[in-house]
Amino acid sequence: MAKPVHSMIRVLDEAKSLDFYARAFDLKIADRLAFPDFALVYLHHVSSPFELELTVNFGRKEPYIPGDGYGHLAQDRGDPERWPLRLVQSTTMFDGG
């Protein structure tokens, strides 16, 4: 069975986003990975191993609008040999194969 690991969203303002998620959902920083052009900030709540990944693109000046960025839902699918056929078929279709 696939297990959700994290969901990613893009944010314009890291400080404002961290403040919002802390106040609204009591999420704390689990990790922050900085790269030259962007940062990945992983947030979590003590009650769950699931994380929210905030992607901050440093050169971005305008807020994101629907269709302007993309996110993802990461899953741990375990051993591929044990994946149900429906999962294999849907992954192949989704990947354009």
Protein backbone atom coordinates (compact mmCIF):
# COMPACT_ATOMS: atom_id res chain seq x y z
CA MET A 1 0.00 0.00 0.00
CA ALA A 2 1.29 3.46 -0.89
CA LYS A 3 2.08 5.63 2.13
CA PRO A 4 1.96 9.44 1.74
CA VAL A 5 5.27 11.03 2.76
CA HIS A 6 4.90 14.72 1.97
CA SER A 7 3.05 17.22 -0.18
CA MET A 8 4.83 20.14 -1.86
CA ILE A 9 3.58 23.64 -2.57
CA ARG A 10 5.40 26.70 -3.90
CA VAL A 11 5.43 29.84 -1.79
CA LEU A 12 6.59 33.38 -2.51
CA ASP A 13 7.46 34.58 0.99
CA GLU A 14 9.18 32.03 3.23
CA ALA A 15 8.85 34.00 6.48
CA LYS A 16 5.14 34.75 5.99
CA SER A 17 4.46 31.14 5.00
CA LEU A 18 6.29 29.75 8.03
CA ASP A 19 4.36 32.10 10.30
CA PHE A 20 1.03 31.09 8.73
CA TYR A 21 1.61 27.33 9.00
CA ALA A 22 2.89 27.67 12.55
CA ARG A 23 -0.12 29.69 13.72
CA ALA A 24 -2.79 27.90 11.67
CA PHE A 25 -1.64 24.28 12.01
CA ASP A 26 1.13 24.29 14.63
CA LEU A 27 3.65 23.05 12.03
CA LYS A 28 7.32 23.30 12.89
CA ILE A 29 10.41 23.19 10.68
CA ALA A 30 11.70 19.63 10.36
CA ASP A 31 14.45 20.47 7.87
CA ARG A 32 15.57 23.21 5.48
CA LEU A 33 17.71 22.57 2.43
CA ALA A 34 19.15 25.66 0.72
CA PHE A 35 20.39 25.69 -2.85
CA PRO A 36 21.68 28.62 -4.94
CA ASP A 37 18.30 29.39 -6.56
CA PHE A 38 15.75 27.89 -4.17
CA ALA A 39 15.11 26.37 -0.75
CA LEU A 40 13.06 23.40 0.40
CA VAL A 41 11.53 23.77 3.85
CA TYR A 42 9.94 20.69 5.39
CA LEU A 43 7.29 21.26 8.04
CA HIS A 44 5.71 18.69 10.32
CA HIS A 45 3.36 18.32 13.24
CA VAL A 46 4.35 16.21 16.25
CA SER A 47 1.27 14.02 15.78
CA SER A 48 2.21 12.76 12.31
CA PRO A 49 5.22 11.71 10.22
CA PHE A 50 3.65 13.41 7.16
CA GLU A 51 5.44 16.59 6.07
CA LEU A 52 4.55 19.69 4.08
CA GLU A 53 7.34 20.81 1.75
CA LEU A 54 7.48 24.52 0.97
CA THR A 55 9.47 25.33 -2.16
CA VAL A 56 10.82 28.89 -2.23
CA ASN A 57 12.27 30.12 -5.55
CA PHE A 58 14.54 33.02 -4.63
CA GLY A 59 14.16 35.03 -7.86
CA ARG A 60 10.37 34.96 -7.81
CA LYS A 61 8.75 38.41 -7.50
CA GLU A 62 5.05 37.75 -8.17
CA PRO A 63 2.68 35.54 -6.18
CA TYR A 64 1.78 32.17 -7.67
CA ILE A 65 -1.61 31.84 -9.33
CA PRO A 66 -3.44 28.61 -10.24
CA GLY A 67 -1.62 26.94 -13.12
CA ASP A 68 1.53 29.02 -12.62
CA GLY A 69 3.44 26.53 -10.49
CA TYR A 70 3.13 22.90 -9.63
CA GLY A 71 3.28 20.77 -6.54
CA HIS A 72 3.44 17.09 -5.82
CA LEU A 73 2.40 14.39 -3.40
CA ALA A 74 5.30 12.09 -2.57
CA GLN A 75 4.53 8.50 -1.65
CA ASP A 76 6.54 5.57 -0.40
CA ARG A 77 5.29 2.66 -2.47
CA GLY A 78 7.57 0.09 -0.93
CA ASP A 79 8.71 -2.91 -2.93
CA PRO A 80 7.75 -2.50 -6.63
CA GLU A 81 7.32 -6.25 -6.94
CA ARG A 82 4.36 -5.98 -4.57
CA TRP A 83 2.60 -3.05 -6.25
CA PRO A 84 -0.95 -3.85 -7.33
CA LEU A 85 -1.44 -4.02 -11.10
CA ARG A 86 -3.81 -1.02 -11.01
CA LEU A 87 -1.01 1.11 -9.49
CA VAL A 88 1.52 0.02 -12.11
CA GLN A 89 -0.97 0.71 -14.93
CA SER A 90 -1.99 4.14 -13.56
CA THR A 91 1.66 5.16 -13.08
CA THR A 92 2.49 4.18 -16.65
CA MET A 93 -0.48 6.14 -17.99
CA PHE A 94 0.33 9.17 -15.81
CA ASP A 95 3.97 9.23 -16.92
CA GLY A 96 2.84 9.34 -20.55
CA GLY A 97 4.06 5.81 -21.25
